[in-house]
Amino acid sequence: MADQVKTMTGREAFTLVSDILAIKPEIEGLENVPTSGAAIIIANHPTGLADGAFVFDALNGHRPHHIFLANADALRVIPNAEDIIIPVEWVVEKRTQAKTRNTLMSLKSALKDGKAVVIFPAGVLAKLSWRGLIDKEWNPTAISMAKKHKVPIVPLRIEARNSPLYYFFAAVNKELRDITLFHELLNKHQSRPKLTFGSVIDPASLPRGTDDATKFVRNIVERL
C-alpha cells in the first residue's frame, strides 16, 4: 500500500484512505462553506492525521476544490500530493526563509485560484487536560492571510479523540507519542467524528490586531 500511495496524486491517496477507513462523520453547518471562490477554513486539531481525512470526507462532495496547509512531512509519504497539500514546516528548528516564502506563495496562489484552504493553526495535536482537549497556541498566519486578501473565513470545530494509549505515550515520551500517529489514523475505521462548520466570518469584521483577531476566531471555533 505504501508504494501505491507514493505513485498517487494527493487527492487519489486521500480517496484511498477514505475508502479504507469508511469514516461516518456527523456533519453540521456544511451549507456555511461556499461552493466556489476562495475561502479559508480554520479548524481545531484534536487527532492529527485523521483530522485531514475527516475534513476531506466532509468537503469532497460539497466543495471538491480544497487544499490543506499541512506538515511538510506529508510529502515524504505522498510525494505527488501537492495537488491537495501546501507543505509548511511546523518545526521551528527546521524552518528557513526560503521554506516560509514558498509556503506563503503557494497559499496566495491557491486563494487566487479560488480554492478553499483548510488550515489547522495549532500545527500540532491538541493536548489532553482536565478541561478536555486543548489546542496549542495558534499561528496567526491564517488570519493575517484572510485579512490581507479579503478572503472569507469558515470556522470549523472537530470533535474526536485518539486512543488512551496515545495520550499515555504523549505524557511519557515525545518519540513514543509520534510513532503512534499512523496507528491513530488507522484506528479511526468507521468512527463517527462530529464536524461543525460555523457561519462565514468577514475578515473586515475582525479585531484590527492579528493576535486579537486570531484569539477571536479561536473562541468562535471552541464555542461551536
N, C-alpha and C. Protein backbone atom coordinates (compact mmCIF):
# COMPACT_ATOMS: atom_id res chain seq x y z
N MET A 1 0.83 -1.20 0.00
CA MET A 1 0.00 0.00 0.00
C MET A 1 0.86 1.26 0.00
N ALA A 2 1.99 1.22 0.73
CA ALA A 2 2.85 2.40 0.80
C ALA A 2 3.37 2.78 -0.58
N ASP A 3 3.82 1.78 -1.37
CA ASP A 3 4.31 2.07 -2.72
C ASP A 3 3.20 2.60 -3.60
N GLN A 4 2.00 2.06 -3.42
CA GLN A 4 0.85 2.52 -4.21
C GLN A 4 0.55 3.98 -3.90
N VAL A 5 0.58 4.35 -2.63
CA VAL A 5 0.29 5.73 -2.24
C VAL A 5 1.33 6.68 -2.82
N LYS A 6 2.61 6.27 -2.87
CA LYS A 6 3.67 7.14 -3.35
C LYS A 6 3.51 7.49 -4.82
N THR A 7 2.82 6.67 -5.60
CA THR A 7 2.64 6.94 -7.02
C THR A 7 1.34 7.69 -7.31
N MET A 8 0.53 7.91 -6.31
CA MET A 8 -0.75 8.58 -6.49
C MET A 8 -0.63 10.09 -6.35
N THR A 9 -1.63 10.80 -6.88
CA THR A 9 -1.77 12.20 -6.55
C THR A 9 -2.29 12.27 -5.12
N GLY A 10 -2.25 13.46 -4.55
CA GLY A 10 -2.75 13.62 -3.19
C GLY A 10 -4.23 13.30 -3.08
N ARG A 11 -5.01 13.76 -4.04
CA ARG A 11 -6.45 13.51 -3.99
C ARG A 11 -6.75 12.02 -4.11
N GLU A 12 -6.01 11.32 -4.96
CA GLU A 12 -6.20 9.88 -5.08
C GLU A 12 -5.84 9.17 -3.78
N ALA A 13 -4.76 9.61 -3.14
CA ALA A 13 -4.34 8.98 -1.88
C ALA A 13 -5.36 9.23 -0.78
N PHE A 14 -5.88 10.47 -0.70
CA PHE A 14 -6.90 10.78 0.30
C PHE A 14 -8.15 9.94 0.05
N THR A 15 -8.51 9.76 -1.20
CA THR A 15 -9.69 8.96 -1.54
C THR A 15 -9.49 7.50 -1.12
N LEU A 16 -8.29 6.98 -1.34
CA LEU A 16 -7.98 5.61 -0.92
C LEU A 16 -8.10 5.46 0.59
N VAL A 17 -7.51 6.40 1.33
CA VAL A 17 -7.58 6.36 2.79
C VAL A 17 -9.04 6.46 3.25
N SER A 18 -9.79 7.33 2.60
CA SER A 18 -11.21 7.49 2.93
C SER A 18 -11.97 6.18 2.74
N ASP A 19 -11.69 5.50 1.64
CA ASP A 19 -12.37 4.22 1.36
C ASP A 19 -12.00 3.16 2.40
N ILE A 20 -10.72 3.15 2.80
CA ILE A 20 -10.26 2.15 3.77
C ILE A 20 -10.85 2.40 5.15
N LEU A 21 -10.85 3.66 5.56
CA LEU A 21 -11.33 3.99 6.90
C LEU A 21 -12.85 3.96 7.02
N ALA A 22 -13.55 4.23 5.92
CA ALA A 22 -15.02 4.24 5.92
C ALA A 22 -15.56 5.06 7.09
N ILE A 23 -15.01 6.25 7.27
CA ILE A 23 -15.44 7.13 8.35
C ILE A 23 -16.87 7.60 8.11
N LYS A 24 -17.61 7.74 9.18
CA LYS A 24 -19.01 8.17 9.06
C LYS A 24 -19.20 9.45 9.89
N PRO A 25 -18.70 10.57 9.38
CA PRO A 25 -18.75 11.79 10.17
C PRO A 25 -20.17 12.32 10.35
N GLU A 26 -20.41 12.93 11.49
CA GLU A 26 -21.65 13.65 11.73
C GLU A 26 -21.35 15.12 11.41
N ILE A 27 -22.04 15.65 10.41
CA ILE A 27 -21.69 16.98 9.89
C ILE A 27 -22.84 17.96 10.09
N GLU A 28 -22.51 19.13 10.62
CA GLU A 28 -23.48 20.20 10.77
C GLU A 28 -22.94 21.48 10.13
N GLY A 29 -23.81 22.25 9.53
CA GLY A 29 -23.44 23.56 9.00
C GLY A 29 -22.64 23.53 7.72
N LEU A 30 -22.66 22.42 6.99
CA LEU A 30 -21.87 22.34 5.75
C LEU A 30 -22.31 23.41 4.75
N GLU A 31 -23.57 23.82 4.86
CA GLU A 31 -24.06 24.86 3.95
C GLU A 31 -23.34 26.19 4.15
N ASN A 32 -22.63 26.34 5.26
CA ASN A 32 -21.88 27.57 5.50
C ASN A 32 -20.60 27.65 4.67
N VAL A 33 -20.19 26.53 4.09
CA VAL A 33 -18.98 26.51 3.26
C VAL A 33 -19.35 26.92 1.84
N PRO A 34 -18.79 28.03 1.34
CA PRO A 34 -19.09 28.44 -0.04
C PRO A 34 -18.73 27.34 -1.03
N THR A 35 -19.55 27.13 -2.03
CA THR A 35 -19.29 26.07 -3.00
C THR A 35 -18.29 26.49 -4.07
N SER A 36 -17.95 27.77 -4.11
CA SER A 36 -16.96 28.25 -5.07
C SER A 36 -16.29 29.49 -4.50
N GLY A 37 -15.19 29.87 -5.10
CA GLY A 37 -14.46 31.05 -4.66
C GLY A 37 -13.53 30.77 -3.50
N ALA A 38 -12.56 31.65 -3.33
CA ALA A 38 -11.57 31.48 -2.27
C ALA A 38 -12.20 31.55 -0.89
N ALA A 39 -11.70 30.71 0.00
CA ALA A 39 -12.15 30.70 1.39
C ALA A 39 -11.05 30.05 2.22
N ILE A 40 -11.02 30.40 3.50
CA ILE A 40 -10.09 29.75 4.43
C ILE A 40 -10.91 29.08 5.53
N ILE A 41 -10.76 27.78 5.63
CA ILE A 41 -11.45 27.01 6.66
C ILE A 41 -10.47 26.80 7.81
N ILE A 42 -10.81 27.31 8.98
CA ILE A 42 -9.91 27.27 10.13
C ILE A 42 -10.47 26.32 11.18
N ALA A 43 -9.68 25.32 11.55
CA ALA A 43 -10.19 24.26 12.43
C ALA A 43 -9.25 23.98 13.60
N ASN A 44 -9.82 23.42 14.65
CA ASN A 44 -9.00 22.88 15.74
C ASN A 44 -8.37 21.57 15.28
N HIS A 45 -7.48 21.01 16.09
CA HIS A 45 -6.66 19.87 15.62
C HIS A 45 -6.58 18.78 16.68
N PRO A 46 -7.68 18.03 16.91
CA PRO A 46 -7.71 17.09 18.02
C PRO A 46 -6.95 15.78 17.82
N THR A 47 -6.91 15.25 16.58
CA THR A 47 -6.38 13.89 16.43
C THR A 47 -5.17 13.73 15.53
N GLY A 48 -4.81 14.74 14.78
CA GLY A 48 -3.65 14.62 13.91
C GLY A 48 -4.03 14.27 12.49
N LEU A 49 -3.40 13.22 11.93
CA LEU A 49 -3.61 12.85 10.53
C LEU A 49 -5.08 12.63 10.21
N ALA A 50 -5.80 12.05 11.14
CA ALA A 50 -7.21 11.74 10.90
C ALA A 50 -8.04 13.00 10.67
N ASP A 51 -7.64 14.13 11.23
CA ASP A 51 -8.42 15.35 11.04
C ASP A 51 -8.51 15.72 9.57
N GLY A 52 -7.41 15.51 8.84
CA GLY A 52 -7.43 15.77 7.41
C GLY A 52 -8.40 14.85 6.69
N ALA A 53 -8.43 13.58 7.10
CA ALA A 53 -9.36 12.62 6.49
C ALA A 53 -10.80 13.00 6.80
N PHE A 54 -11.05 13.45 8.02
CA PHE A 54 -12.41 13.86 8.39
C PHE A 54 -12.89 15.01 7.50
N VAL A 55 -12.04 16.03 7.36
CA VAL A 55 -12.44 17.21 6.60
C VAL A 55 -12.55 16.88 5.11
N PHE A 56 -11.64 16.05 4.61
CA PHE A 56 -11.71 15.63 3.21
C PHE A 56 -13.05 14.96 2.92
N ASP A 57 -13.45 14.04 3.79
CA ASP A 57 -14.73 13.35 3.60
C ASP A 57 -15.90 14.33 3.63
N ALA A 58 -15.84 15.29 4.54
CA ALA A 58 -16.94 16.24 4.69
C ALA A 58 -17.06 17.16 3.47
N LEU A 59 -15.92 17.59 2.93
CA LEU A 59 -15.95 18.57 1.86
C LEU A 59 -16.03 17.97 0.46
N ASN A 60 -15.62 16.73 0.31
CA ASN A 60 -15.39 16.17 -1.02
C ASN A 60 -16.59 16.29 -1.95
N GLY A 61 -17.78 15.99 -1.44
CA GLY A 61 -18.96 16.08 -2.30
C GLY A 61 -19.50 17.50 -2.43
N HIS A 62 -19.23 18.32 -1.44
CA HIS A 62 -19.78 19.68 -1.38
C HIS A 62 -18.86 20.71 -2.02
N ARG A 63 -17.57 20.55 -1.76
CA ARG A 63 -16.59 21.54 -2.20
C ARG A 63 -15.27 20.82 -2.55
N PRO A 64 -15.21 20.15 -3.73
CA PRO A 64 -14.03 19.34 -4.05
C PRO A 64 -12.75 20.14 -4.25
N HIS A 65 -12.86 21.43 -4.60
CA HIS A 65 -11.66 22.23 -4.85
C HIS A 65 -11.12 22.82 -3.55
N HIS A 66 -10.57 21.94 -2.72
CA HIS A 66 -9.97 22.39 -1.48
C HIS A 66 -8.56 21.83 -1.35
N ILE A 67 -7.78 22.47 -0.50
CA ILE A 67 -6.38 22.09 -0.32
C ILE A 67 -6.01 22.33 1.14
N PHE A 68 -5.10 21.53 1.65
CA PHE A 68 -4.71 21.61 3.07
C PHE A 68 -3.35 22.26 3.24
N LEU A 69 -3.23 23.12 4.23
CA LEU A 69 -1.93 23.58 4.69
C LEU A 69 -1.50 22.53 5.71
N ALA A 70 -0.48 21.74 5.38
CA ALA A 70 -0.15 20.58 6.22
C ALA A 70 1.35 20.43 6.39
N ASN A 71 1.72 19.64 7.38
CA ASN A 71 3.12 19.38 7.69
C ASN A 71 3.85 18.88 6.44
N ALA A 72 5.03 19.46 6.20
CA ALA A 72 5.82 19.09 5.03
C ALA A 72 6.17 17.61 5.00
N ASP A 73 6.16 16.96 6.16
CA ASP A 73 6.45 15.52 6.21
C ASP A 73 5.45 14.72 5.38
N ALA A 74 4.26 15.27 5.17
CA ALA A 74 3.25 14.55 4.39
C ALA A 74 3.74 14.26 2.98
N LEU A 75 4.54 15.16 2.42
CA LEU A 75 5.04 14.96 1.05
C LEU A 75 6.14 13.92 1.00
N ARG A 76 6.69 13.54 2.13
CA ARG A 76 7.66 12.45 2.16
C ARG A 76 6.93 11.11 2.07
N VAL A 77 5.68 11.09 2.54
CA VAL A 77 4.87 9.88 2.47
C VAL A 77 4.14 9.81 1.12
N ILE A 78 3.63 10.96 0.66
CA ILE A 78 2.91 11.03 -0.62
C ILE A 78 3.59 12.11 -1.46
N PRO A 79 4.66 11.77 -2.18
CA PRO A 79 5.44 12.78 -2.89
C PRO A 79 4.67 13.59 -3.92
N ASN A 80 3.60 13.02 -4.48
CA ASN A 80 2.84 13.71 -5.53
C ASN A 80 1.60 14.41 -5.00
N ALA A 81 1.61 14.77 -3.73
CA ALA A 81 0.40 15.28 -3.09
C ALA A 81 0.26 16.79 -3.12
N GLU A 82 1.06 17.48 -3.91
CA GLU A 82 0.97 18.94 -3.91
C GLU A 82 -0.32 19.46 -4.53
N ASP A 83 -1.11 18.55 -5.12
CA ASP A 83 -2.42 18.97 -5.62
C ASP A 83 -3.41 19.20 -4.47
N ILE A 84 -3.09 18.66 -3.28
CA ILE A 84 -4.02 18.81 -2.16
C ILE A 84 -3.32 19.24 -0.87
N ILE A 85 -2.00 19.38 -0.91
CA ILE A 85 -1.25 19.78 0.27
C ILE A 85 -0.29 20.92 -0.05
N ILE A 86 -0.40 21.99 0.72
CA ILE A 86 0.61 23.06 0.72
C ILE A 86 1.53 22.76 1.89
N PRO A 87 2.78 22.38 1.63
CA PRO A 87 3.66 21.99 2.75
C PRO A 87 4.12 23.18 3.59
N VAL A 88 4.07 22.98 4.90
CA VAL A 88 4.56 24.01 5.83
C VAL A 88 5.44 23.32 6.86
N GLU A 89 6.55 23.95 7.20
CA GLU A 89 7.47 23.40 8.20
C GLU A 89 7.06 23.91 9.57
N TRP A 90 6.41 23.04 10.36
CA TRP A 90 5.94 23.46 11.68
C TRP A 90 7.05 23.44 12.72
N VAL A 91 8.10 22.64 12.48
CA VAL A 91 9.20 22.56 13.44
C VAL A 91 10.08 23.78 13.27
N VAL A 92 10.11 24.61 14.30
CA VAL A 92 10.82 25.90 14.21
C VAL A 92 12.28 25.70 13.81
N GLU A 93 12.93 24.69 14.35
CA GLU A 93 14.35 24.46 14.10
C GLU A 93 14.62 24.13 12.63
N LYS A 94 13.62 23.64 11.91
CA LYS A 94 13.80 23.24 10.51
C LYS A 94 13.37 24.32 9.52
N ARG A 95 12.81 25.41 10.04
CA ARG A 95 12.32 26.46 9.15
C ARG A 95 13.47 27.26 8.54
N THR A 96 13.25 27.68 7.31
CA THR A 96 14.17 28.61 6.65
C THR A 96 13.33 29.69 6.00
N GLN A 97 13.96 30.80 5.65
CA GLN A 97 13.23 31.86 4.97
C GLN A 97 12.68 31.38 3.64
N ALA A 98 13.45 30.54 2.94
CA ALA A 98 13.01 30.03 1.64
C ALA A 98 11.76 29.16 1.78
N LYS A 99 11.77 28.27 2.79
CA LYS A 99 10.60 27.40 3.01
C LYS A 99 9.37 28.23 3.35
N THR A 100 9.53 29.22 4.23
CA THR A 100 8.40 30.06 4.62
C THR A 100 7.88 30.85 3.43
N ARG A 101 8.78 31.37 2.62
CA ARG A 101 8.38 32.13 1.44
C ARG A 101 7.61 31.25 0.46
N ASN A 102 8.08 30.03 0.24
CA ASN A 102 7.40 29.11 -0.68
C ASN A 102 6.00 28.75 -0.18
N THR A 103 5.88 28.56 1.13
CA THR A 103 4.57 28.24 1.71
C THR A 103 3.60 29.39 1.48
N LEU A 104 4.05 30.62 1.76
CA LEU A 104 3.17 31.78 1.60
C LEU A 104 2.81 32.01 0.14
N MET A 105 3.75 31.79 -0.76
CA MET A 105 3.46 31.94 -2.19
C MET A 105 2.44 30.90 -2.67
N SER A 106 2.58 29.66 -2.19
CA SER A 106 1.65 28.60 -2.56
C SER A 106 0.25 28.88 -2.00
N LEU A 107 0.21 29.39 -0.78
CA LEU A 107 -1.07 29.74 -0.16
C LEU A 107 -1.74 30.87 -0.93
N LYS A 108 -0.98 31.88 -1.28
CA LYS A 108 -1.51 33.00 -2.06
C LYS A 108 -2.03 32.53 -3.42
N SER A 109 -1.28 31.63 -4.06
CA SER A 109 -1.68 31.11 -5.36
C SER A 109 -2.98 30.31 -5.27
N ALA A 110 -3.11 29.52 -4.21
CA ALA A 110 -4.34 28.72 -4.03
C ALA A 110 -5.55 29.63 -3.86
N LEU A 111 -5.39 30.69 -3.09
CA LEU A 111 -6.50 31.63 -2.89
C LEU A 111 -6.83 32.36 -4.20
N LYS A 112 -5.80 32.72 -4.95
CA LYS A 112 -6.01 33.39 -6.23
C LYS A 112 -6.76 32.48 -7.20
N ASP A 113 -6.52 31.17 -7.08
CA ASP A 113 -7.20 30.20 -7.95
C ASP A 113 -8.60 29.86 -7.46
N GLY A 114 -9.04 30.50 -6.39
CA GLY A 114 -10.39 30.29 -5.89
C GLY A 114 -10.59 29.01 -5.12
N LYS A 115 -9.54 28.50 -4.48
CA LYS A 115 -9.65 27.27 -3.70
C LYS A 115 -10.02 27.57 -2.25
N ALA A 116 -10.56 26.57 -1.60
CA ALA A 116 -10.78 26.64 -0.16
C ALA A 116 -9.56 26.02 0.51
N VAL A 117 -8.91 26.78 1.36
CA VAL A 117 -7.70 26.31 2.03
C VAL A 117 -8.06 25.92 3.47
N VAL A 118 -7.76 24.68 3.82
CA VAL A 118 -8.04 24.18 5.17
C VAL A 118 -6.78 24.32 6.01
N ILE A 119 -6.90 25.02 7.14
CA ILE A 119 -5.73 25.28 7.98
C ILE A 119 -6.03 24.89 9.43
N PHE A 120 -5.08 24.18 10.04
CA PHE A 120 -5.12 23.87 11.47
C PHE A 120 -4.06 24.76 12.13
N PRO A 121 -4.44 25.93 12.62
CA PRO A 121 -3.45 26.91 13.09
C PRO A 121 -2.57 26.45 14.25
N ALA A 122 -3.03 25.45 15.00
CA ALA A 122 -2.21 24.96 16.11
C ALA A 122 -0.95 24.27 15.58
N GLY A 123 -1.07 23.65 14.41
CA GLY A 123 0.08 22.99 13.81
C GLY A 123 0.42 21.65 14.42
N VAL A 124 0.05 21.42 15.65
CA VAL A 124 0.31 20.16 16.35
C VAL A 124 -0.98 19.72 17.05
N LEU A 125 -1.00 18.49 17.48
CA LEU A 125 -2.21 17.94 18.09
C LEU A 125 -2.55 18.62 19.41
N ALA A 126 -3.84 18.63 19.68
CA ALA A 126 -4.33 19.19 20.94
C ALA A 126 -3.81 18.35 22.12
N LYS A 127 -3.65 19.02 23.23
CA LYS A 127 -3.16 18.35 24.45
C LYS A 127 -4.34 18.02 25.36
N LEU A 128 -4.29 16.83 25.93
CA LEU A 128 -5.34 16.42 26.85
C LEU A 128 -5.13 17.08 28.21
N SER A 129 -6.16 17.74 28.71
CA SER A 129 -6.08 18.39 30.02
C SER A 129 -7.34 18.06 30.81
N TRP A 130 -7.41 18.56 32.02
CA TRP A 130 -8.60 18.31 32.84
C TRP A 130 -9.83 18.98 32.25
N ARG A 131 -9.62 19.94 31.33
CA ARG A 131 -10.74 20.59 30.65
C ARG A 131 -11.07 19.94 29.32
N GLY A 132 -10.40 18.83 29.02
CA GLY A 132 -10.60 18.17 27.74
C GLY A 132 -9.42 18.46 26.82
N LEU A 133 -9.64 18.31 25.51
CA LEU A 133 -8.58 18.56 24.54
C LEU A 133 -8.44 20.05 24.28
N ILE A 134 -7.23 20.56 24.42
CA ILE A 134 -6.96 21.98 24.25
C ILE A 134 -5.89 22.16 23.18
N ASP A 135 -6.19 22.95 22.15
CA ASP A 135 -5.19 23.26 21.13
C ASP A 135 -4.03 24.04 21.73
N LYS A 136 -2.85 23.81 21.15
CA LYS A 136 -1.71 24.65 21.48
C LYS A 136 -1.96 26.05 20.90
N GLU A 137 -1.06 26.97 21.16
CA GLU A 137 -1.22 28.33 20.66
C GLU A 137 -1.34 28.34 19.14
N TRP A 138 -2.27 29.14 18.63
CA TRP A 138 -2.50 29.20 17.19
C TRP A 138 -1.51 30.13 16.50
N ASN A 139 -1.01 29.69 15.34
CA ASN A 139 -0.20 30.54 14.48
C ASN A 139 -1.13 31.55 13.79
N PRO A 140 -0.77 32.83 13.76
CA PRO A 140 -1.67 33.85 13.22
C PRO A 140 -1.68 33.97 11.70
N THR A 141 -0.88 33.15 11.00
CA THR A 141 -0.76 33.29 9.54
C THR A 141 -2.10 33.18 8.83
N ALA A 142 -2.94 32.24 9.24
CA ALA A 142 -4.23 32.04 8.57
C ALA A 142 -5.07 33.30 8.61
N ILE A 143 -5.12 33.91 9.77
CA ILE A 143 -5.93 35.13 9.93
C ILE A 143 -5.33 36.29 9.16
N SER A 144 -4.01 36.42 9.21
CA SER A 144 -3.37 37.54 8.51
C SER A 144 -3.56 37.41 7.00
N MET A 145 -3.52 36.19 6.46
CA MET A 145 -3.74 36.00 5.03
C MET A 145 -5.19 36.29 4.65
N ALA A 146 -6.12 35.89 5.50
CA ALA A 146 -7.53 36.16 5.24
C ALA A 146 -7.79 37.66 5.20
N LYS A 147 -7.19 38.39 6.14
CA LYS A 147 -7.38 39.83 6.20
C LYS A 147 -6.69 40.52 5.02
N LYS A 148 -5.50 40.08 4.71
CA LYS A 148 -4.74 40.71 3.63
C LYS A 148 -5.42 40.54 2.28
N HIS A 149 -5.96 39.33 2.02
CA HIS A 149 -6.54 39.04 0.71
C HIS A 149 -8.07 39.12 0.71
N LYS A 150 -8.63 39.58 1.85
CA LYS A 150 -10.08 39.77 1.96
C LYS A 150 -10.84 38.48 1.61
N VAL A 151 -10.40 37.40 2.23
CA VAL A 151 -10.98 36.07 1.97
C VAL A 151 -11.87 35.67 3.15
N PRO A 152 -13.10 35.21 2.88
CA PRO A 152 -13.99 34.79 3.98
C PRO A 152 -13.42 33.61 4.76
N ILE A 153 -13.71 33.59 6.04
CA ILE A 153 -13.24 32.53 6.95
C ILE A 153 -14.43 31.68 7.37
N VAL A 154 -14.25 30.36 7.30
CA VAL A 154 -15.26 29.43 7.80
C VAL A 154 -14.68 28.72 9.02
N PRO A 155 -15.21 28.96 10.22
CA PRO A 155 -14.70 28.26 11.41
C PRO A 155 -15.22 26.82 11.44
N LEU A 156 -14.38 25.92 11.89
CA LEU A 156 -14.75 24.50 11.94
C LEU A 156 -14.29 23.90 13.25
N ARG A 157 -15.22 23.24 13.93
CA ARG A 157 -14.85 22.51 15.15
C ARG A 157 -14.96 21.01 14.89
N ILE A 158 -13.88 20.30 15.19
CA ILE A 158 -13.85 18.84 15.06
C ILE A 158 -13.88 18.23 16.45
N GLU A 159 -14.84 17.36 16.67
CA GLU A 159 -14.94 16.66 17.95
C GLU A 159 -14.57 15.20 17.74
N ALA A 160 -13.38 14.83 18.19
CA ALA A 160 -12.87 13.47 18.05
C ALA A 160 -11.71 13.31 19.03
N ARG A 161 -11.34 12.05 19.28
CA ARG A 161 -10.24 11.77 20.21
C ARG A 161 -9.39 10.63 19.70
N ASN A 162 -8.15 10.61 20.18
CA ASN A 162 -7.28 9.46 19.94
C ASN A 162 -7.49 8.45 21.06
N SER A 163 -6.77 7.35 20.96
CA SER A 163 -6.92 6.28 21.95
C SER A 163 -6.23 6.65 23.26
N PRO A 164 -6.61 6.01 24.38
CA PRO A 164 -5.92 6.24 25.65
C PRO A 164 -4.42 5.96 25.56
N LEU A 165 -4.04 4.98 24.72
CA LEU A 165 -2.63 4.65 24.56
C LEU A 165 -1.84 5.85 24.05
N TYR A 166 -2.43 6.58 23.09
CA TYR A 166 -1.75 7.76 22.55
C TYR A 166 -1.50 8.79 23.65
N TYR A 167 -2.51 9.07 24.46
CA TYR A 167 -2.35 10.09 25.50
C TYR A 167 -1.38 9.65 26.60
N PHE A 168 -1.31 8.34 26.82
CA PHE A 168 -0.32 7.82 27.77
C PHE A 168 1.08 8.07 27.24
N PHE A 169 1.32 7.70 25.97
CA PHE A 169 2.63 7.92 25.38
C PHE A 169 2.96 9.42 25.30
N ALA A 170 1.95 10.25 25.01
CA ALA A 170 2.17 11.69 24.92
C ALA A 170 2.66 12.27 26.24
N ALA A 171 2.20 11.68 27.34
CA ALA A 171 2.61 12.14 28.67
C ALA A 171 3.98 11.61 29.06
N VAL A 172 4.40 10.52 28.41
CA VAL A 172 5.64 9.86 28.81
C VAL A 172 6.84 10.27 27.96
N ASN A 173 6.65 10.26 26.62
CA ASN A 173 7.79 10.44 25.74
C ASN A 173 7.34 10.93 24.36
N LYS A 174 7.98 11.97 23.84
CA LYS A 174 7.61 12.55 22.56
C LYS A 174 7.77 11.55 21.41
N GLU A 175 8.87 10.78 21.41
CA GLU A 175 9.10 9.83 20.33
C GLU A 175 8.06 8.72 20.33
N LEU A 176 7.73 8.21 21.53
CA LEU A 176 6.69 7.19 21.62
C LEU A 176 5.36 7.73 21.12
N ARG A 177 5.07 8.99 21.47
CA ARG A 177 3.84 9.63 21.00
C ARG A 177 3.80 9.67 19.49
N ASP A 178 4.90 10.12 18.88
CA ASP A 178 4.91 10.33 17.43
C ASP A 178 4.79 9.04 16.63
N ILE A 179 5.36 7.95 17.14
CA ILE A 179 5.31 6.70 16.36
C ILE A 179 3.92 6.07 16.39
N THR A 180 3.03 6.57 17.23
CA THR A 180 1.67 6.03 17.26
C THR A 180 0.72 6.74 16.30
N LEU A 181 1.18 7.82 15.62
CA LEU A 181 0.26 8.65 14.85
C LEU A 181 -0.41 7.90 13.70
N PHE A 182 0.35 7.05 12.99
CA PHE A 182 -0.27 6.30 11.90
C PHE A 182 -1.26 5.27 12.45
N HIS A 183 -0.92 4.70 13.61
CA HIS A 183 -1.87 3.79 14.26
C HIS A 183 -3.16 4.53 14.61
N GLU A 184 -3.02 5.77 15.08
CA GLU A 184 -4.19 6.55 15.45
C GLU A 184 -5.05 6.92 14.23
N LEU A 185 -4.41 7.02 13.07
CA LEU A 185 -5.19 7.23 11.84
C LEU A 185 -5.98 5.97 11.50
N LEU A 186 -5.32 4.83 11.52
CA LEU A 186 -5.98 3.58 11.12
C LEU A 186 -7.05 3.14 12.10
N ASN A 187 -6.90 3.49 13.38
CA ASN A 187 -7.91 3.04 14.33
C ASN A 187 -9.18 3.89 14.29
N LYS A 188 -9.24 4.83 13.35
CA LYS A 188 -10.46 5.63 13.17
C LYS A 188 -11.46 4.95 12.23
N HIS A 189 -11.21 3.69 11.90
CA HIS A 189 -12.09 2.96 11.00
C HIS A 189 -13.53 3.00 11.49
N GLN A 190 -14.41 3.47 10.62
CA GLN A 190 -15.85 3.57 10.90
C GLN A 190 -16.16 4.44 12.12
N SER A 191 -15.25 5.33 12.46
CA SER A 191 -15.51 6.24 13.57
C SER A 191 -16.53 7.30 13.16
N ARG A 192 -17.08 8.00 14.14
CA ARG A 192 -18.11 8.99 13.88
C ARG A 192 -17.73 10.35 14.50
N PRO A 193 -16.73 11.00 13.94
CA PRO A 193 -16.38 12.33 14.46
C PRO A 193 -17.48 13.32 14.15
N LYS A 194 -17.57 14.37 14.94
CA LYS A 194 -18.55 15.42 14.67
C LYS A 194 -17.83 16.65 14.15
N LEU A 195 -18.29 17.13 12.99
CA LEU A 195 -17.72 18.32 12.39
C LEU A 195 -18.80 19.39 12.31
N THR A 196 -18.53 20.54 12.91
CA THR A 196 -19.50 21.64 12.91
C THR A 196 -18.88 22.85 12.22
N PHE A 197 -19.45 23.22 11.08
CA PHE A 197 -18.99 24.40 10.35
C PHE A 197 -19.83 25.60 10.79
N GLY A 198 -19.15 26.65 11.24
CA GLY A 198 -19.85 27.84 11.69
C GLY A 198 -20.14 28.80 10.56
N SER A 199 -20.84 29.87 10.88
CA SER A 199 -21.17 30.89 9.89
C SER A 199 -19.91 31.57 9.36
N VAL A 200 -19.98 32.00 8.12
CA VAL A 200 -18.85 32.66 7.49
C VAL A 200 -18.50 33.95 8.23
N ILE A 201 -17.20 34.18 8.42
CA ILE A 201 -16.71 35.38 9.09
C ILE A 201 -16.08 36.30 8.05
N ASP A 202 -16.56 37.52 7.97
CA ASP A 202 -15.95 38.52 7.11
C ASP A 202 -14.68 39.02 7.79
N PRO A 203 -13.51 38.86 7.16
CA PRO A 203 -12.27 39.28 7.84
C PRO A 203 -12.25 40.76 8.21
N ALA A 204 -13.05 41.58 7.49
CA ALA A 204 -13.10 43.01 7.82
C ALA A 204 -13.78 43.26 9.16
N SER A 205 -14.52 42.26 9.65
CA SER A 205 -15.22 42.43 10.92
C SER A 205 -14.37 42.03 12.12
N LEU A 206 -13.18 41.51 11.88
CA LEU A 206 -12.32 41.04 12.96
C LEU A 206 -11.58 42.19 13.63
N PRO A 207 -11.11 41.99 14.87
CA PRO A 207 -10.28 43.00 15.53
C PRO A 207 -9.08 43.36 14.65
N ARG A 208 -8.59 44.56 14.79
CA ARG A 208 -7.53 45.04 13.91
C ARG A 208 -6.22 44.29 14.09
N GLY A 209 -5.83 44.04 15.32
CA GLY A 209 -4.58 43.33 15.57
C GLY A 209 -4.69 41.87 15.19
N THR A 210 -3.64 41.32 14.55
CA THR A 210 -3.69 39.91 14.11
C THR A 210 -3.82 38.96 15.28
N ASP A 211 -3.10 39.20 16.36
CA ASP A 211 -3.19 38.32 17.53
C ASP A 211 -4.59 38.34 18.13
N ASP A 212 -5.17 39.52 18.24
CA ASP A 212 -6.53 39.63 18.78
C ASP A 212 -7.53 38.97 17.84
N ALA A 213 -7.33 39.14 16.54
CA ALA A 213 -8.23 38.53 15.57
C ALA A 213 -8.14 37.00 15.63
N THR A 214 -6.92 36.49 15.82
CA THR A 214 -6.72 35.04 15.92
C THR A 214 -7.43 34.49 17.16
N LYS A 215 -7.31 35.19 18.28
CA LYS A 215 -8.00 34.77 19.50
C LYS A 215 -9.51 34.81 19.31
N PHE A 216 -9.98 35.81 18.59
CA PHE A 216 -11.42 35.97 18.34
C PHE A 216 -11.96 34.75 17.56
N VAL A 217 -11.25 34.38 16.49
CA VAL A 217 -11.69 33.23 15.68
C VAL A 217 -11.57 31.93 16.47
N ARG A 218 -10.49 31.80 17.23
CA ARG A 218 -10.34 30.59 18.04
C ARG A 218 -11.50 30.44 19.03
N ASN A 219 -11.92 31.53 19.64
CA ASN A 219 -13.05 31.47 20.57
C ASN A 219 -14.33 31.01 19.87
N ILE A 220 -14.51 31.45 18.64
CA ILE A 220 -15.69 31.01 17.87
C ILE A 220 -15.62 29.51 17.62
N VAL A 221 -14.44 29.03 17.18
CA VAL A 221 -14.27 27.59 16.91
C VAL A 221 -14.55 26.79 18.18
N GLU A 222 -14.04 27.24 19.31
CA GLU A 222 -14.18 26.47 20.54
C GLU A 222 -15.60 26.47 21.07
N ARG A 223 -16.40 27.47 20.67
CA ARG A 223 -17.79 27.53 21.14
C ARG A 223 -18.76 26.78 20.22
N LEU A 224 -18.30 26.39 19.04
CA LEU A 224 -19.21 25.72 18.11
C LEU A 224 -19.69 24.39 18.68
